[in-house]
Amino acid sequence: MKHKGSCHCGQIAFEVEGEFDRAMECNCSHCSRKGYLLSFVPRAQLEIKTNVGVSTYTFNRHVIEHQFCSNCGCAPYGFGKDSKGRETAAINLRCLEGIDLGALKRTAVDGRSF
């Protein structure tokens, strides 16, 4: 199923293919401060429609490229690689249209220990 997503002001818009009924809730300093609810998909499943003013933030081991809007500050997705070296996209489920966040099964991730 395709889902539409965007940053708050709409300068970043995208579609992503997937079934999103689960989310990772990471306790690292970045994810916990921003309240991310993440789901990882193969990079090919993310289609960027517009990315005006997109900026990139990396931290710690610099393996995930967190993409955020330089206008509204919203961070809808990031890029990285899985353990086998395949390109992935980390989707911030809070930025998808029509997702019932309360119905998501949340999995705690101890990112502080990475």
PDB file of N, CA and C in Angstrom:
ATOM      1  N   MET A   1       0.831  -1.173   0.000  1.00  0.00           N
ATOM      2  CA  MET A   1       0.000   0.000   0.000  1.00  0.00           C
ATOM      3  C   MET A   1       0.881   1.244   0.000  1.00  0.00           C
ATOM      4  N   LYS A   2       0.537   2.229  -0.829  1.00  0.00           N
ATOM      5  CA  LYS A   2       1.282   3.488  -0.879  1.00  0.00           C
ATOM      6  C   LYS A   2       0.695   4.489   0.104  1.00  0.00           C
ATOM      7  N   HIS A   3       1.586   5.158   0.804  1.00  0.00           N
ATOM      8  CA  HIS A   3       1.202   6.195   1.760  1.00  0.00           C
ATOM      9  C   HIS A   3       1.857   7.503   1.355  1.00  0.00           C
ATOM     10  N   LYS A   4       1.130   8.593   1.514  1.00  0.00           N
ATOM     11  CA  LYS A   4       1.681   9.922   1.283  1.00  0.00           C
ATOM     12  C   LYS A   4       2.181  10.485   2.592  1.00  0.00           C
ATOM     13  N   GLY A   5       3.267  11.254   2.484  1.00  0.00           N
ATOM     14  CA  GLY A   5       3.819  11.888   3.663  1.00  0.00           C
ATOM     15  C   GLY A   5       4.460  13.209   3.302  1.00  0.00           C
ATOM     16  N   SER A   6       4.727  14.002   4.329  1.00  0.00           N
ATOM     17  CA  SER A   6       5.355  15.307   4.097  1.00  0.00           C
ATOM     18  C   SER A   6       5.895  15.859   5.405  1.00  0.00           C
ATOM     19  N   CYS A   7       6.658  16.939   5.259  1.00  0.00           N
ATOM     20  CA  CYS A   7       7.018  17.735   6.421  1.00  0.00           C
ATOM     21  C   CYS A   7       5.804  18.613   6.749  1.00  0.00           C
ATOM     22  N   HIS A   8       5.888  19.418   7.776  1.00  0.00           N
ATOM     23  CA  HIS A   8       4.738  20.216   8.195  1.00  0.00           C
ATOM     24  C   HIS A   8       4.336  21.265   7.165  1.00  0.00           C
ATOM     25  N   CYS A   9       5.307  21.944   6.543  1.00  0.00           N
ATOM     26  CA  CYS A   9       4.988  23.022   5.601  1.00  0.00           C
ATOM     27  C   CYS A   9       4.782  22.529   4.174  1.00  0.00           C
ATOM     28  N   GLY A  10       5.127  21.266   3.885  1.00  0.00           N
ATOM     29  CA  GLY A  10       4.906  20.694   2.566  1.00  0.00           C
ATOM     30  C   GLY A  10       6.045  20.850   1.575  1.00  0.00           C
ATOM     31  N   GLN A  11       7.151  21.458   1.990  1.00  0.00           N
ATOM     32  CA  GLN A  11       8.292  21.586   1.071  1.00  0.00           C
ATOM     33  C   GLN A  11       8.943  20.242   0.785  1.00  0.00           C
ATOM     34  N   ILE A  12       8.791  19.296   1.705  1.00  0.00           N
ATOM     35  CA  ILE A  12       9.242  17.925   1.494  1.00  0.00           C
ATOM     36  C   ILE A  12       7.987  17.064   1.402  1.00  0.00           C
ATOM     37  N   ALA A  13       7.818  16.374   0.292  1.00  0.00           N
ATOM     38  CA  ALA A  13       6.675  15.477   0.107  1.00  0.00           C
ATOM     39  C   ALA A  13       7.185  14.171  -0.486  1.00  0.00           C
ATOM     40  N   PHE A  14       6.535  13.072  -0.101  1.00  0.00           N
ATOM     41  CA  PHE A  14       6.997  11.760  -0.550  1.00  0.00           C
ATOM     42  C   PHE A  14       5.862  10.763  -0.518  1.00  0.00           C
ATOM     43  N   GLU A  15       6.104   9.625  -1.161  1.00  0.00           N
ATOM     44  CA  GLU A  15       5.229   8.458  -1.061  1.00  0.00           C
ATOM     45  C   GLU A  15       6.105   7.285  -0.672  1.00  0.00           C
ATOM     46  N   VAL A  16       5.538   6.403   0.122  1.00  0.00           N
ATOM     47  CA  VAL A  16       6.282   5.225   0.554  1.00  0.00           C
ATOM     48  C   VAL A  16       5.365   4.013   0.486  1.00  0.00           C
ATOM     49  N   GLU A  17       5.922   2.931   0.005  1.00  0.00           N
ATOM     50  CA  GLU A  17       5.203   1.665  -0.132  1.00  0.00           C
ATOM     51  C   GLU A  17       5.443   0.836   1.118  1.00  0.00           C
ATOM     52  N   GLY A  18       4.354   0.355   1.723  1.00  0.00           N
ATOM     53  CA  GLY A  18       4.510  -0.515   2.878  1.00  0.00           C
ATOM     54  C   GLY A  18       3.260  -0.608   3.716  1.00  0.00           C
ATOM     55  N   GLU A  19       3.269  -1.601   4.596  1.00  0.00           N
ATOM     56  CA  GLU A  19       2.214  -1.777   5.584  1.00  0.00           C
ATOM     57  C   GLU A  19       2.803  -1.329   6.918  1.00  0.00           C
ATOM     58  N   PHE A  20       2.230  -0.314   7.493  1.00  0.00           N
ATOM     59  CA  PHE A  20       2.801   0.267   8.696  1.00  0.00           C
ATOM     60  C   PHE A  20       1.862   0.066   9.883  1.00  0.00           C
ATOM     61  N   ASP A  21       2.040  -1.065  10.563  1.00  0.00           N
ATOM     62  CA  ASP A  21       1.257  -1.349  11.755  1.00  0.00           C
ATOM     63  C   ASP A  21       2.159  -1.460  12.988  1.00  0.00           C
ATOM     64  N   ARG A  22       3.463  -1.328  12.763  1.00  0.00           N
ATOM     65  CA  ARG A  22       4.459  -1.407  13.836  1.00  0.00           C
ATOM     66  C   ARG A  22       5.402  -0.223  13.728  1.00  0.00           C
ATOM     67  N   ALA A  23       5.933   0.185  14.862  1.00  0.00           N
ATOM     68  CA  ALA A  23       6.890   1.287  14.889  1.00  0.00           C
ATOM     69  C   ALA A  23       7.987   0.996  15.897  1.00  0.00           C
ATOM     70  N   MET A  24       9.168   1.468  15.562  1.00  0.00           N
ATOM     71  CA  MET A  24      10.280   1.409  16.502  1.00  0.00           C
ATOM     72  C   MET A  24      10.306   2.732  17.253  1.00  0.00           C
ATOM     73  N   GLU A  25      10.425   2.637  18.571  1.00  0.00           N
ATOM     74  CA  GLU A  25      10.509   3.820  19.414  1.00  0.00           C
ATOM     75  C   GLU A  25      11.862   3.768  20.108  1.00  0.00           C
ATOM     76  N   CYS A  26      12.784   4.565  19.601  1.00  0.00           N
ATOM     77  CA  CYS A  26      14.177   4.545  20.044  1.00  0.00           C
ATOM     78  C   CYS A  26      14.386   5.544  21.187  1.00  0.00           C
ATOM     79  N   ASN A  27      15.244   5.176  22.130  1.00  0.00           N
ATOM     80  CA  ASN A  27      15.518   6.055  23.262  1.00  0.00           C
ATOM     81  C   ASN A  27      16.827   6.830  23.132  1.00  0.00           C
ATOM     82  N   CYS A  28      17.426   6.854  21.929  1.00  0.00           N
ATOM     83  CA  CYS A  28      18.661   7.628  21.767  1.00  0.00           C
ATOM     84  C   CYS A  28      18.338   9.113  21.953  1.00  0.00           C
ATOM     85  N   SER A  29      19.366   9.922  22.139  1.00  0.00           N
ATOM     86  CA  SER A  29      19.166  11.342  22.421  1.00  0.00           C
ATOM     87  C   SER A  29      18.418  12.058  21.298  1.00  0.00           C
ATOM     88  N   HIS A  30      18.636  11.665  20.074  1.00  0.00           N
ATOM     89  CA  HIS A  30      17.987  12.324  18.929  1.00  0.00           C
ATOM     90  C   HIS A  30      16.525  11.901  18.798  1.00  0.00           C
ATOM     91  N   CYS A  31      16.267  10.608  18.716  1.00  0.00           N
ATOM     92  CA  CYS A  31      14.903  10.106  18.518  1.00  0.00           C
ATOM     93  C   CYS A  31      13.981  10.471  19.672  1.00  0.00           C
ATOM     94  N   SER A  32      14.475  10.370  20.903  1.00  0.00           N
ATOM     95  CA  SER A  32      13.603  10.651  22.040  1.00  0.00           C
ATOM     96  C   SER A  32      13.255  12.133  22.117  1.00  0.00           C
ATOM     97  N   ARG A  33      14.185  13.009  21.779  1.00  0.00           N
ATOM     98  CA  ARG A  33      13.890  14.448  21.799  1.00  0.00           C
ATOM     99  C   ARG A  33      12.867  14.836  20.723  1.00  0.00           C
ATOM    100  N   LYS A  34      12.919  14.143  19.581  1.00  0.00           N
ATOM    101  CA  LYS A  34      12.024  14.483  18.472  1.00  0.00           C
ATOM    102  C   LYS A  34      10.748  13.643  18.453  1.00  0.00           C
ATOM    103  N   GLY A  35      10.676  12.614  19.275  1.00  0.00           N
ATOM    104  CA  GLY A  35       9.471  11.801  19.352  1.00  0.00           C
ATOM    105  C   GLY A  35       9.229  10.910  18.151  1.00  0.00           C
ATOM    106  N   TYR A  36      10.302  10.488  17.498  1.00  0.00           N
ATOM    107  CA  TYR A  36      10.163   9.651  16.312  1.00  0.00           C
ATOM    108  C   TYR A  36       9.449   8.335  16.599  1.00  0.00           C
ATOM    109  N   LEU A  37       8.630   7.926  15.664  1.00  0.00           N
ATOM    110  CA  LEU A  37       8.104   6.572  15.569  1.00  0.00           C
ATOM    111  C   LEU A  37       8.539   6.101  14.194  1.00  0.00           C
ATOM    112  N   LEU A  38       9.484   5.172  14.131  1.00  0.00           N
ATOM    113  CA  LEU A  38      10.157   4.816  12.882  1.00  0.00           C
ATOM    114  C   LEU A  38       9.795   3.441  12.364  1.00  0.00           C
ATOM    115  N   SER A  39       9.844   3.352  11.054  1.00  0.00           N
ATOM    116  CA  SER A  39       9.754   2.071  10.363  1.00  0.00           C
ATOM    117  C   SER A  39      10.769   2.112   9.230  1.00  0.00           C
ATOM    118  N   PHE A  40      11.540   1.045   9.085  1.00  0.00           N
ATOM    119  CA  PHE A  40      12.559   0.977   8.055  1.00  0.00           C
ATOM    120  C   PHE A  40      12.041   0.181   6.863  1.00  0.00           C
ATOM    121  N   VAL A  41      12.282   0.712   5.661  1.00  0.00           N
ATOM    122  CA  VAL A  41      11.884   0.054   4.413  1.00  0.00           C
ATOM    123  C   VAL A  41      13.075   0.092   3.459  1.00  0.00           C
ATOM    124  N   PRO A  42      13.105  -0.793   2.463  1.00  0.00           N
ATOM    125  CA  PRO A  42      14.135  -0.671   1.432  1.00  0.00           C
ATOM    126  C   PRO A  42      14.040   0.715   0.771  1.00  0.00           C
ATOM    127  N   ARG A  43      15.161   1.305   0.481  1.00  0.00           N
ATOM    128  CA  ARG A  43      15.213   2.663  -0.077  1.00  0.00           C
ATOM    129  C   ARG A  43      14.359   2.799  -1.336  1.00  0.00           C
ATOM    130  N   ALA A  44      14.287   1.757  -2.129  1.00  0.00           N
ATOM    131  CA  ALA A  44      13.522   1.797  -3.381  1.00  0.00           C
ATOM    132  C   ALA A  44      12.027   1.990  -3.146  1.00  0.00           C
ATOM    133  N   GLN A  45      11.542   1.747  -1.934  1.00  0.00           N
ATOM    134  CA  GLN A  45      10.114   1.909  -1.634  1.00  0.00           C
ATOM    135  C   GLN A  45       9.739   3.351  -1.308  1.00  0.00           C
ATOM    136  N   LEU A  46      10.724   4.229  -1.208  1.00  0.00           N
ATOM    137  CA  LEU A  46      10.482   5.641  -0.918  1.00  0.00           C
ATOM    138  C   LEU A  46      10.657   6.448  -2.193  1.00  0.00           C
ATOM    139  N   GLU A  47       9.628   7.166  -2.567  1.00  0.00           N
ATOM    140  CA  GLU A  47       9.681   8.038  -3.739  1.00  0.00           C
ATOM    141  C   GLU A  47       9.529   9.488  -3.273  1.00  0.00           C
ATOM    142  N   ILE A  48      10.568  10.269  -3.462  1.00  0.00           N
ATOM    143  CA  ILE A  48      10.535  11.667  -3.056  1.00  0.00           C
ATOM    144  C   ILE A  48       9.876  12.484  -4.159  1.00  0.00           C
ATOM    145  N   LYS A  49       8.827  13.199  -3.798  1.00  0.00           N
ATOM    146  CA  LYS A  49       8.084  14.022  -4.752  1.00  0.00           C
ATOM    147  C   LYS A  49       8.657  15.437  -4.813  1.00  0.00           C
ATOM    148  N   THR A  50       8.907  16.047  -3.674  1.00  0.00           N
ATOM    149  CA  THR A  50       9.563  17.360  -3.598  1.00  0.00           C
ATOM    150  C   THR A  50      10.497  17.354  -2.398  1.00  0.00           C
ATOM    151  N   ASN A  51      11.590  18.051  -2.532  1.00  0.00           N
ATOM    152  CA  ASN A  51      12.516  18.166  -1.398  1.00  0.00           C
ATOM    153  C   ASN A  51      13.178  19.542  -1.389  1.00  0.00           C
ATOM    154  N   VAL A  52      12.352  20.563  -1.501  1.00  0.00           N
ATOM    155  CA  VAL A  52      12.835  21.946  -1.446  1.00  0.00           C
ATOM    156  C   VAL A  52      13.346  22.220  -0.036  1.00  0.00           C
ATOM    157  N   GLY A  53      14.547  22.733   0.071  1.00  0.00           N
ATOM    158  CA  GLY A  53      15.085  23.118   1.371  1.00  0.00           C
ATOM    159  C   GLY A  53      15.422  21.970   2.295  1.00  0.00           C
ATOM    160  N   VAL A  54      15.659  20.787   1.745  1.00  0.00           N
ATOM    161  CA  VAL A  54      16.000  19.652   2.603  1.00  0.00           C
ATOM    162  C   VAL A  54      17.428  19.815   3.128  1.00  0.00           C
ATOM    163  N   SER A  55      17.608  19.500   4.393  1.00  0.00           N
ATOM    164  CA  SER A  55      18.921  19.515   5.030  1.00  0.00           C
ATOM    165  C   SER A  55      19.173  18.148   5.642  1.00  0.00           C
ATOM    166  N   THR A  56      20.432  17.863   5.939  1.00  0.00           N
ATOM    167  CA  THR A  56      20.822  16.560   6.476  1.00  0.00           C
ATOM    168  C   THR A  56      21.512  16.742   7.815  1.00  0.00           C
ATOM    169  N   TYR A  57      21.181  15.852   8.747  1.00  0.00           N
ATOM    170  CA  TYR A  57      21.829  15.853  10.055  1.00  0.00           C
ATOM    171  C   TYR A  57      22.314  14.437  10.351  1.00  0.00           C
ATOM    172  N   THR A  58      23.562  14.309  10.766  1.00  0.00           N
ATOM    173  CA  THR A  58      24.101  13.034  11.228  1.00  0.00           C
ATOM    174  C   THR A  58      24.710  13.249  12.606  1.00  0.00           C
ATOM    175  N   PHE A  59      24.789  12.182  13.377  1.00  0.00           N
ATOM    176  CA  PHE A  59      25.419  12.279  14.699  1.00  0.00           C
ATOM    177  C   PHE A  59      25.947  10.912  15.088  1.00  0.00           C
ATOM    178  N   ASN A  60      26.605  10.846  16.223  1.00  0.00           N
ATOM    179  CA  ASN A  60      27.157   9.616  16.770  1.00  0.00           C
ATOM    180  C   ASN A  60      28.058   8.929  15.738  1.00  0.00           C
ATOM    181  N   ARG A  61      27.662   7.807  15.185  1.00  0.00           N
ATOM    182  CA  ARG A  61      28.495   7.084  14.212  1.00  0.00           C
ATOM    183  C   ARG A  61      28.297   7.577  12.784  1.00  0.00           C
ATOM    184  N   HIS A  62      27.416   8.537  12.579  1.00  0.00           N
ATOM    185  CA  HIS A  62      27.158   9.155  11.261  1.00  0.00           C
ATOM    186  C   HIS A  62      26.734   8.127  10.204  1.00  0.00           C
ATOM    187  N   VAL A  63      25.919   7.165  10.601  1.00  0.00           N
ATOM    188  CA  VAL A  63      25.478   6.139   9.654  1.00  0.00           C
ATOM    189  C   VAL A  63      24.067   6.373   9.126  1.00  0.00           C
ATOM    190  N   ILE A  64      23.284   7.210   9.798  1.00  0.00           N
ATOM    191  CA  ILE A  64      21.949   7.559   9.316  1.00  0.00           C
ATOM    192  C   ILE A  64      21.947   9.036   8.941  1.00  0.00           C
ATOM    193  N   GLU A  65      21.503   9.314   7.730  1.00  0.00           N
ATOM    194  CA  GLU A  65      21.386  10.692   7.253  1.00  0.00           C
ATOM    195  C   GLU A  65      19.953  11.147   7.485  1.00  0.00           C
ATOM    196  N   HIS A  66      19.714  11.809   8.602  1.00  0.00           N
ATOM    197  CA  HIS A  66      18.383  12.305   8.935  1.00  0.00           C
ATOM    198  C   HIS A  66      18.087  13.515   8.053  1.00  0.00           C
ATOM    199  N   GLN A  67      17.007  13.439   7.291  1.00  0.00           N
ATOM    200  CA  GLN A  67      16.610  14.516   6.386  1.00  0.00           C
ATOM    201  C   GLN A  67      15.548  15.364   7.079  1.00  0.00           C
ATOM    202  N   PHE A  68      15.723  16.696   7.035  1.00  0.00           N
ATOM    203  CA  PHE A  68      14.731  17.558   7.658  1.00  0.00           C
ATOM    204  C   PHE A  68      14.544  18.815   6.824  1.00  0.00           C
ATOM    205  N   CYS A  69      13.409  19.449   7.013  1.00  0.00           N
ATOM    206  CA  CYS A  69      13.059  20.653   6.268  1.00  0.00           C
ATOM    207  C   CYS A  69      13.716  21.868   6.920  1.00  0.00           C
ATOM    208  N   SER A  70      14.439  22.638   6.131  1.00  0.00           N
ATOM    209  CA  SER A  70      15.094  23.830   6.666  1.00  0.00           C
ATOM    210  C   SER A  70      14.100  24.943   6.961  1.00  0.00           C
ATOM    211  N   ASN A  71      12.856  24.802   6.498  1.00  0.00           N
ATOM    212  CA  ASN A  71      11.831  25.813   6.764  1.00  0.00           C
ATOM    213  C   ASN A  71      11.066  25.513   8.059  1.00  0.00           C
ATOM    214  N   CYS A  72      10.461  24.331   8.162  1.00  0.00           N
ATOM    215  CA  CYS A  72       9.619  24.017   9.330  1.00  0.00           C
ATOM    216  C   CYS A  72      10.319  23.133  10.365  1.00  0.00           C
ATOM    217  N   GLY A  73      11.455  22.520   9.983  1.00  0.00           N
ATOM    218  CA  GLY A  73      12.221  21.702  10.919  1.00  0.00           C
ATOM    219  C   GLY A  73      11.767  20.263  11.037  1.00  0.00           C
ATOM    220  N   CYS A  74      10.684  19.901  10.398  1.00  0.00           N
ATOM    221  CA  CYS A  74      10.139  18.552  10.476  1.00  0.00           C
ATOM    222  C   CYS A  74      11.079  17.561   9.770  1.00  0.00           C
ATOM    223  N   ALA A  75      11.227  16.379  10.355  1.00  0.00           N
ATOM    224  CA  ALA A  75      12.134  15.364   9.815  1.00  0.00           C
ATOM    225  C   ALA A  75      11.353  14.112   9.429  1.00  0.00           C
ATOM    226  N   PRO A  76      10.915  14.003   8.173  1.00  0.00           N
ATOM    227  CA  PRO A  76      10.045  12.900   7.782  1.00  0.00           C
ATOM    228  C   PRO A  76      10.733  11.575   7.474  1.00  0.00           C
ATOM    229  N   TYR A  77      12.013  11.585   7.145  1.00  0.00           N
ATOM    230  CA  TYR A  77      12.703  10.333   6.822  1.00  0.00           C
ATOM    231  C   TYR A  77      14.207  10.509   6.938  1.00  0.00           C
ATOM    232  N   GLY A  78      14.903   9.389   6.879  1.00  0.00           N
ATOM    233  CA  GLY A  78      16.359   9.381   6.882  1.00  0.00           C
ATOM    234  C   GLY A  78      16.845   8.233   6.012  1.00  0.00           C
ATOM    235  N   PHE A  79      18.124   8.252   5.712  1.00  0.00           N
ATOM    236  CA  PHE A  79      18.718   7.225   4.868  1.00  0.00           C
ATOM    237  C   PHE A  79      19.849   6.521   5.602  1.00  0.00           C
ATOM    238  N   GLY A  80      19.961   5.223   5.355  1.00  0.00           N
ATOM    239  CA  GLY A  80      21.028   4.435   5.954  1.00  0.00           C
ATOM    240  C   GLY A  80      21.188   3.129   5.216  1.00  0.00           C
ATOM    241  N   LYS A  81      21.847   2.185   5.876  1.00  0.00           N
ATOM    242  CA  LYS A  81      22.040   0.844   5.327  1.00  0.00           C
ATOM    243  C   LYS A  81      21.734  -0.157   6.415  1.00  0.00           C
ATOM    244  N   ASP A  82      21.172  -1.293   5.995  1.00  0.00           N
ATOM    245  CA  ASP A  82      20.905  -2.346   6.972  1.00  0.00           C
ATOM    246  C   ASP A  82      22.189  -3.121   7.251  1.00  0.00           C
ATOM    247  N   SER A  83      22.094  -4.158   8.072  1.00  0.00           N
ATOM    248  CA  SER A  83      23.282  -4.921   8.481  1.00  0.00           C
ATOM    249  C   SER A  83      23.956  -5.645   7.327  1.00  0.00           C
ATOM    250  N   LYS A  84      23.245  -5.800   6.199  1.00  0.00           N
ATOM    251  CA  LYS A  84      23.822  -6.450   5.024  1.00  0.00           C
ATOM    252  C   LYS A  84      24.286  -5.439   3.978  1.00  0.00           C
ATOM    253  N   GLY A  85      24.253  -4.154   4.316  1.00  0.00           N
ATOM    254  CA  GLY A  85      24.731  -3.116   3.409  1.00  0.00           C
ATOM    255  C   GLY A  85      23.715  -2.620   2.398  1.00  0.00           C
ATOM    256  N   ARG A  86      22.459  -3.036   2.523  1.00  0.00           N
ATOM    257  CA  ARG A  86      21.425  -2.601   1.584  1.00  0.00           C
ATOM    258  C   ARG A  86      20.900  -1.225   1.981  1.00  0.00           C
ATOM    259  N   GLU A  87      20.626  -0.386   0.976  1.00  0.00           N
ATOM    260  CA  GLU A  87      20.096   0.960   1.194  1.00  0.00           C
ATOM    261  C   GLU A  87      18.711   0.886   1.832  1.00  0.00           C
ATOM    262  N   THR A  88      18.513   1.658   2.901  1.00  0.00           N
ATOM    263  CA  THR A  88      17.224   1.695   3.581  1.00  0.00           C
ATOM    264  C   THR A  88      16.759   3.133   3.766  1.00  0.00           C
ATOM    265  N   ALA A  89      15.487   3.267   4.062  1.00  0.00           N
ATOM    266  CA  ALA A  89      14.909   4.553   4.441  1.00  0.00           C
ATOM    267  C   ALA A  89      14.208   4.362   5.776  1.00  0.00           C
ATOM    268  N   ALA A  90      14.495   5.251   6.710  1.00  0.00           N
ATOM    269  CA  ALA A  90      13.821   5.258   8.004  1.00  0.00           C
ATOM    270  C   ALA A  90      12.678   6.257   7.893  1.00  0.00           C
ATOM    271  N   ILE A  91      11.457   5.769   7.961  1.00  0.00           N
ATOM    272  CA  ILE A  91      10.287   6.621   7.789  1.00  0.00           C
ATOM    273  C   ILE A  91       9.752   7.025   9.159  1.00  0.00           C
ATOM    274  N   ASN A  92       9.593   8.328   9.358  1.00  0.00           N
ATOM    275  CA  ASN A  92       8.969   8.839  10.575  1.00  0.00           C
ATOM    276  C   ASN A  92       7.459   8.726  10.379  1.00  0.00           C
ATOM    277  N   LEU A  93       6.856   7.726  10.996  1.00  0.00           N
ATOM    278  CA  LEU A  93       5.441   7.438  10.773  1.00  0.00           C
ATOM    279  C   LEU A  93       4.533   8.590  11.188  1.00  0.00           C
ATOM    280  N   ARG A  94       5.021   9.488  12.018  1.00  0.00           N
ATOM    281  CA  ARG A  94       4.243  10.670  12.399  1.00  0.00           C
ATOM    282  C   ARG A  94       4.020  11.611  11.208  1.00  0.00           C
ATOM    283  N   CYS A  95       4.778  11.425  10.145  1.00  0.00           N
ATOM    284  CA  CYS A  95       4.678  12.300   8.969  1.00  0.00           C
ATOM    285  C   CYS A  95       3.840  11.700   7.845  1.00  0.00           C
ATOM    286  N   LEU A  96       3.244  10.531   8.069  1.00  0.00           N
ATOM    287  CA  LEU A  96       2.399   9.903   7.056  1.00  0.00           C
ATOM    288  C   LEU A  96       0.937  10.279   7.263  1.00  0.00           C
ATOM    289  N   GLU A  97       0.223  10.444   6.167  1.00  0.00           N
ATOM    290  CA  GLU A  97      -1.206  10.731   6.226  1.00  0.00           C
ATOM    291  C   GLU A  97      -1.981   9.454   6.552  1.00  0.00           C
ATOM    292  N   GLY A  98      -2.998   9.581   7.384  1.00  0.00           N
ATOM    293  CA  GLY A  98      -3.925   8.473   7.616  1.00  0.00           C
ATOM    294  C   GLY A  98      -3.429   7.345   8.494  1.00  0.00           C
ATOM    295  N   ILE A  99      -2.332   7.536   9.199  1.00  0.00           N
ATOM    296  CA  ILE A  99      -1.826   6.494  10.096  1.00  0.00           C
ATOM    297  C   ILE A  99      -2.417   6.715  11.491  1.00  0.00           C
ATOM    298  N   ASP A 100      -3.004   5.677  12.061  1.00  0.00           N
ATOM    299  CA  ASP A 100      -3.525   5.744  13.425  1.00  0.00           C
ATOM    300  C   ASP A 100      -2.368   5.436  14.371  1.00  0.00           C
ATOM    301  N   LEU A 101      -1.732   6.468  14.884  1.00  0.00           N
ATOM    302  CA  LEU A 101      -0.544   6.291  15.718  1.00  0.00           C
ATOM    303  C   LEU A 101      -0.835   5.496  16.987  1.00  0.00           C
ATOM    304  N   GLY A 102      -2.046   5.639  17.516  1.00  0.00           N
ATOM    305  CA  GLY A 102      -2.417   4.907  18.722  1.00  0.00           C
ATOM    306  C   GLY A 102      -2.553   3.411  18.506  1.00  0.00           C
ATOM    307  N   ALA A 103      -2.784   3.001  17.270  1.00  0.00           N
ATOM    308  CA  ALA A 103      -2.956   1.578  16.969  1.00  0.00           C
ATOM    309  C   ALA A 103      -1.637   0.872  16.650  1.00  0.00           C
ATOM    310  N   LEU A 104      -0.557   1.622  16.510  1.00  0.00           N
ATOM    311  CA  LEU A 104       0.731   1.020  16.173  1.00  0.00           C
ATOM    312  C   LEU A 104       1.256   0.170  17.319  1.00  0.00           C
ATOM    313  N   LYS A 105       1.769  -0.995  16.978  1.00  0.00           N
ATOM    314  CA  LYS A 105       2.490  -1.802  17.963  1.00  0.00           C
ATOM    315  C   LYS A 105       3.895  -1.209  18.038  1.00  0.00           C
ATOM    316  N   ARG A 106       4.259  -0.745  19.206  1.00  0.00           N
ATOM    317  CA  ARG A 106       5.562  -0.077  19.387  1.00  0.00           C
ATOM    318  C   ARG A 106       6.587  -1.026  19.989  1.00  0.00           C
ATOM    319  N   THR A 107       7.764  -1.015  19.375  1.00  0.00           N
ATOM    320  CA  THR A 107       8.882  -1.808  19.854  1.00  0.00           C
ATOM    321  C   THR A 107       9.945  -0.865  20.380  1.00  0.00           C
ATOM    322  N   ALA A 108      10.292  -1.008  21.650  1.00  0.00           N
ATOM    323  CA  ALA A 108      11.335  -0.165  22.244  1.00  0.00           C
ATOM    324  C   ALA A 108      12.706  -0.596  21.714  1.00  0.00           C
ATOM    325  N   VAL A 109      13.512   0.385  21.337  1.00  0.00           N
ATOM    326  CA  VAL A 109      14.875   0.142  20.857  1.00  0.00           C
ATOM    327  C   VAL A 109      15.824   0.929  21.774  1.00  0.00           C
ATOM    328  N   ASP A 110      16.829   0.244  22.280  1.00  0.00           N
ATOM    329  CA  ASP A 110      17.795   0.895  23.185  1.00  0.00           C
ATOM    330  C   ASP A 110      18.926   1.531  22.392  1.00  0.00           C
ATOM    331  N   GLY A 111      18.592   2.590  21.677  1.00  0.00           N
ATOM    332  CA  GLY A 111      19.581   3.302  20.872  1.00  0.00           C
ATOM    333  C   GLY A 111      20.669   3.980  21.682  1.00  0.00           C
ATOM    334  N   ARG A 112      20.410   4.249  22.946  1.00  0.00           N
ATOM    335  CA  ARG A 112      21.434   4.877  23.802  1.00  0.00           C
ATOM    336  C   ARG A 112      22.641   3.979  23.973  1.00  0.00           C
ATOM    337  N   SER A 113      22.433   2.677  23.759  1.00  0.00           N
ATOM    338  CA  SER A 113      23.522   1.717  23.947  1.00  0.00           C
ATOM    339  C   SER A 113      24.310   1.452  22.670  1.00  0.00           C
ATOM    340  N   PHE A 114      23.906   2.024  21.545  1.00  0.00           N
ATOM    341  CA  PHE A 114      24.608   1.766  20.281  1.00  0.00           C
ATOM    342  C   PHE A 114      25.943   2.466  20.258  1.00  0.00           C
TER     343      PHE A 114
END
